[in-house]
Every structure is written in C-alpha cells, then in structure tokens.
C-alpha cells in the first residue's frame, strides 16, 4: 500500500516542502530510503522502527520503500521522523488514510516514541501556510514558536502513540499557544550611563542607533570601545512585529531563539572563517551577519580579522542580504545589520603619538591597511577614542539608555514617515537620498568637501544620510550646514573623541 505525508527541509533560511512517500509491498523485510537524505535522515529508519514498536504499532515486516520528493533537493536534519512514521502507519493500515491529509508533520522521534523538537519550527509553519496546507503538527516544545505563524493551524504532539487518537475533526494533539515576542528594547542589559568621559563617542552611538549607520572606533586598549559597543543595543528602538518575526525565524533555524526576542548582538572572534561570518557549507547555513539581522554585528580588534573575511562584508553592507552561489543552487539570506568595529591605533595599542610606542611606521601602516578603502568607504562613521582621565572615570554618570533611546525613537519615527516602516536613513537608496531636503549652505559645504576630499559617489551619499539623521535628531526638516559639517567630521579619521 502507498501512503503520503508532507514535511519540510530548511534550505539556507528558506523552507522547502517535501512529499514523504512510503510504499509497503511484498518482499523480504527491508527499509529503503531515497531522495538525497543526509546522515541524520538516513538514520531515521532505525528511530522510526523502534519508536513505532515502542508506541504499540505493528511495524510491517515487509519490503518498505520511502521516498523524499523532490529527489534532487538535499534533505537534512531529523525533522522527517514524524512524517515517515505517519506515512508508514497509514501504509500499514494503523491510521486511516484521510486523517493526516492536508497536514504537515515535523518532529524527531526518540526510541520510546516521544516527539522531540527540531530547528526552524516557525519557518516550517510559514512554509506550510505558503504550501496551502490546513495546518502543521509539531513537537510540544516547538508549539510556541510555530504558533507565531499567522494563517495556519498549529497543533502539538507529545508522542507517536497519539496518532491513534486521531478523530474525524482533525489530527491528534492540542492547539499550540504562541510565545510572546519581546519587541521592546533590552532594558535589563548594560546601560549607556556606564560610558563616562566620552562625549564624542556617546554622540556617535546615538547617531548610529538612530539612523542604522556603521561605526568604527579607533583608540587605545581600555578607552571604552568594547564597553560602548555592547551598550548600543540598549538605545536601539524596539522591534516591530514583522522585524521580531524575522529575528525569531532566523533564531529558530539556527537554534539561537530566546524566549524574549530582542535585537540581536553578535560579536564573533577574529578567528572566524569566511563561511562562519557570511554563511556557507553544504547545504549553506546562515553566518554571523544573518544572525545579526535587525541588530548589531560587533567586530572587535578589526585589523586582526583576515582580509578576505572582511572583504566579504562589502556586498551585504550595501544590499542588506548575502548571496551565496553553489553548483546546486543560489541562496539568499537576510543581513541588514549595524556594523560596529573597534581597532587599536597601532599593533602595540599606544599610538605613534605616545612616547611608549615602539612600532615602526611600516608596522603601523601594515596594521591600519588591514581595512581596505572599499570597505572603509561603506562605514559611515570613524571616531577617534582617547583614554578618559581619572576625573572623568570617577565623575557622575552620563545620560542613561532610556533618555537617549527616547530621542532615537523620535528620530526613527521621522525616518519611517519618510522612507516607510522598518526603514532608517542608513538604508536609504540613492534615489531616496537625492530627494532629501538640503539647504543652500549645506549643499555648498558638501560640494567643497567633495572637491577637496575627493569624496566618492558612495561617500557623498553617506554624508547626506548622516546629515539627514543629524537633522532628524535635531527635529529639522532640511539638512543644515551644521549637519553636513558634523557628518564630514564623523566620516573622517579625525572624528569626535
């Protein structure tokens, strides 16, 4: 007898429906599985056999052939166990054929028949909706995540034996209750008030948070660069529901989904590989820049990263996505993040102006040239950070994250009114940038700077975007001359300190 169920496989950050076909016929007892399965999928034969027998099902001692279609799509992960067991139960006459029709089945089976959670439940529930299915059946632990998907029925199951409890009204299990999205900023994390004696750096962080602008901090060790970067998420505006769903979807696929979904903060070590940073492997997996989507990617000790790893950031910074091409297909994964990086002024960290610096000019040039001009041109702000004095470190705390975040959110609302929901000035296209309102004095200053500093076309546009953010923070309708002046200062290596 032939039976079919539907399951899903994760392909990058996309989800593909898979038709699970099981045929039970006469012949020597065997269990064949075809359809480009990986090791975890091939091992499902043993898990399904033990799970069915320990759940009270009569496992058919006949020739069993299971096919995962489409045959040219690589299948990975243990999530096919439940669909295989469901189809095999129907083919063996244990479950009526029409009871699981129109439902997706996703879950790993333990040997005792209990159903374990798998990664990507939210993405698979959305895939079931896009495929036109009635609903999806998942492990109980996956229920809250999967139930975030709208327009699809989600039911949960604890064990394979519950398939026998199928009724005329629908599949077994119970309705899932969606988890709550933590769309508000992280109010329990580090506070910006901890950053003392760095007024220029504090201002740069506020501009970065408001307009989603990249930031490079250059200064000696202990000046507060890492401390500042880790407090940036505390002043970012809260996630909109659609943004929170994007973060939850990626977190579910990568196994990093937290109960309280907030803007991510990723800080990979400088030994990270190119595939680890932008994604890769077979099949391709999301990298750090996708895990940082809608949040912050912090690269500490930037010159210590390998040159080819850093250069891979150039296209994603412009497009907000990473494109990976393989012989078997093309993969596109979201990567719209705020890049924050920190570097020392020289290999020893003191800087050539310090009498204690023994670095040669060649060593300093080699160290600073780890960041190519093409990548530096894509970073909106470069700020020089000086070591704070004793009085500053012992003095009163500055503004807290809550006060700064109010100004950031106010500026972001102005941007969204101009560009659309979820958009910031740092994401503006060239056409949108050319439509910004600019005063004559600001245009004159920008023209002079373009000639004297030889700004590239990208540099010209990024100065305008920075100026527009400064104007939004100041509540001005047009970009003023002072906004362009500050933007030019923030883009130079002589930034605020």
Foldseek 3Di string as FASTA:
>chain_A
DKAWAWAWAQQALAIDIKIKMKAFDADAFDEAEAQQEDPLCVCLVVLLVLLQVLLPHDQDRHYMYIYIPPSLDHGYDQFCNLRNNVRSCCNVVNAPRPQRPLEYETFHAGSNFFTHADFQLCNRQVVSVVVVGQAYEHALVCQQLNVLDPPHWYFYDTGPNQQNVGDPVHGGGGGGHHFDEQQFFDPPFDKQLLQWQFVQLVVVLLLCQQFVFAEEEEAFPPLCQVVSQRNSSLQHGGHDSVQQNLLSSLCRNVVNHDSYRTQDEAEDALVQDLCQAQWDDVSTYGHPLLNNQREEYEYEQVLSHALVSLVLCLVCLQPQWHWDDDPSGIDIGGGRYHYYYYHAQFPVRHHPVDPPDPDDPVRSVSSVCSQPPSSLLSGQFYAYGYRGDPCRNPDGGDDISVVSSVLSVQLNVVQCVLPNPPHGLSNDDPVSLVPAAADPLLVVVLVVCCVVVVQDPSNSSSLSSQQSSVCSSVVHRHRYNVSSVLSVQRSDNNHGD
